[in-house]
Amino acid sequence: HSCADRGARRGTRSTRRGPTSTMASAHESGYSECARAINRAIDAIRRNPEDRLGAVDAAEERFGEAERHLRRMEAAIQSLEGPERTSREQAVSRCKQDFQSLKNELNRALNNADSA
């Protein structure tokens, strides 16, 4: 999607929900995008263990980006209340668990590549 598409979507979304909720949602989307890229990097390491350096660099860069999205999601939910806050807190919790799983998967792929 282009930035213009994202802006247009975000604009419509914020008419239904508050801007803080929209920010949390945007960072959740950003996190998901990073997670998909990390998964692709892990797959690349598994497919071609000898040539893993580029994939490792890409994964590490995306981990940093994903972490920033998680922190921003947490910051955005501080001003939310009620069910919206609970829902966003659960989303952050799921993303954090996923983040840890991705780190474990990357380490497993690297260990397998090292012993290949």
Protein backbone atom coordinates (compact mmCIF):
# COMPACT_ATOMS: atom_id res chain seq x y z
CA HIS A 1 0.00 0.00 0.00
CA SER A 2 1.15 3.48 -0.67
CA CYS A 3 1.46 6.05 2.09
CA ALA A 4 -1.53 7.89 0.61
CA ASP A 5 -3.66 4.74 0.92
CA ARG A 6 -2.61 4.32 4.52
CA GLY A 7 -3.42 7.94 5.29
CA ALA A 8 -6.82 7.65 3.68
CA ARG A 9 -7.62 4.49 5.60
CA ARG A 10 -6.34 5.96 8.84
CA GLY A 11 -8.54 9.02 8.27
CA THR A 12 -11.69 6.97 7.91
CA ARG A 13 -10.78 4.79 10.84
CA SER A 14 -10.30 7.74 13.19
CA THR A 15 -13.84 8.95 12.58
CA ARG A 16 -15.07 5.78 14.26
CA ARG A 17 -12.47 5.56 17.02
CA GLY A 18 -10.26 7.97 18.87
CA PRO A 19 -6.85 8.96 17.51
CA THR A 20 -5.05 7.04 20.28
CA SER A 21 -6.78 3.84 19.27
CA THR A 22 -5.88 4.52 15.66
CA MET A 23 -2.24 5.06 16.61
CA ALA A 24 -2.18 1.78 18.51
CA SER A 25 -3.77 0.08 15.52
CA ALA A 26 -1.27 1.63 13.10
CA HIS A 27 1.64 0.42 15.23
CA GLU A 28 0.07 -3.02 15.47
CA SER A 29 -0.03 -3.09 11.66
CA GLY A 30 3.57 -1.90 11.55
CA TYR A 31 4.56 -4.65 13.96
CA SER A 32 2.77 -7.27 11.83
CA GLU A 33 4.60 -6.07 8.74
CA CYS A 34 7.94 -6.43 10.57
CA ALA A 35 6.98 -9.90 11.81
CA ARG A 36 6.24 -11.03 8.24
CA ALA A 37 9.63 -9.71 7.09
CA ILE A 38 11.37 -11.50 9.99
CA ASN A 39 9.60 -14.74 9.04
CA ARG A 40 10.81 -14.32 5.44
CA ALA A 41 14.38 -13.81 6.71
CA ILE A 42 14.15 -16.94 8.88
CA ASP A 43 12.87 -18.91 5.88
CA ALA A 44 15.77 -17.59 3.80
CA ILE A 45 18.26 -18.75 6.46
CA ARG A 46 16.69 -22.21 6.48
CA ARG A 47 16.68 -22.44 2.68
CA ASN A 48 20.24 -21.23 2.24
CA PRO A 49 22.27 -21.54 5.47
CA GLU A 50 25.59 -20.77 3.76
CA ASP A 51 24.40 -17.36 2.63
CA ARG A 52 22.67 -16.24 5.82
CA LEU A 53 24.42 -12.95 6.58
CA GLY A 54 22.07 -10.75 4.55
CA ALA A 55 19.02 -12.46 6.01
CA VAL A 56 20.38 -12.09 9.55
CA ASP A 57 21.02 -8.37 8.98
CA ALA A 58 17.50 -7.92 7.60
CA ALA A 59 15.98 -9.81 10.54
CA GLU A 60 17.94 -7.80 13.10
CA GLU A 61 16.91 -4.53 11.48
CA ARG A 62 13.25 -5.61 11.50
CA PHE A 63 13.50 -6.77 15.13
CA GLY A 64 14.57 -3.24 16.06
CA GLU A 65 11.70 -1.77 14.11
CA ALA A 66 9.23 -4.26 15.62
CA GLU A 67 10.42 -3.37 19.10
CA ARG A 68 9.82 0.33 18.42
CA HIS A 69 6.28 -0.47 17.25
CA LEU A 70 5.66 -2.46 20.45
CA ARG A 71 6.85 0.45 22.62
CA ARG A 72 4.65 2.88 20.68
CA MET A 73 1.66 0.54 21.00
CA GLU A 74 2.20 0.45 24.76
CA ALA A 75 2.49 4.23 24.94
CA ALA A 76 -0.66 4.73 22.85
CA ILE A 77 -2.83 2.55 25.09
CA GLN A 78 -1.93 4.48 28.25
CA SER A 79 -4.65 7.04 27.51
CA LEU A 80 -7.30 4.46 26.54
CA GLU A 81 -9.98 3.23 28.94
CA GLY A 82 -12.40 0.36 29.32
CA PRO A 83 -12.83 -2.42 26.79
CA GLU A 84 -10.78 -0.60 24.15
CA ARG A 85 -7.79 -0.53 26.50
CA THR A 86 -8.25 -4.17 27.47
CA SER A 87 -8.44 -5.16 23.81
CA ARG A 88 -5.27 -3.19 22.95
CA GLU A 89 -3.42 -4.59 25.98
CA GLN A 90 -4.26 -8.09 24.78
CA ALA A 91 -2.99 -7.20 21.30
CA VAL A 92 0.29 -5.91 22.78
CA SER A 93 0.62 -9.08 24.84
CA ARG A 94 0.08 -11.27 21.74
CA CYS A 95 2.63 -9.25 19.79
CA LYS A 96 5.19 -9.56 22.60
CA GLN A 97 4.70 -13.33 22.70
CA ASP A 98 5.05 -13.46 18.93
CA PHE A 99 8.18 -11.29 19.13
CA GLN A 100 9.78 -13.75 21.58
CA SER A 101 8.76 -16.70 19.39
CA LEU A 102 10.36 -15.04 16.37
CA LYS A 103 13.60 -14.51 18.32
CA ASN A 104 13.55 -18.20 19.33
CA GLU A 105 12.87 -19.26 15.73
CA LEU A 106 15.73 -17.11 14.45
CA ASN A 107 18.12 -18.60 17.03
CA ARG A 108 16.98 -22.12 16.14
CA ALA A 109 17.49 -21.44 12.42
CA LEU A 110 20.95 -19.99 13.09
CA ASN A 111 21.94 -22.92 15.29
CA ASN A 112 20.80 -25.34 12.59
CA ALA A 113 22.69 -23.35 9.96
CA ASP A 114 25.86 -23.37 12.08
CA SER A 115 25.71 -27.14 12.49
CA ALA A 116 24.85 -27.79 8.83
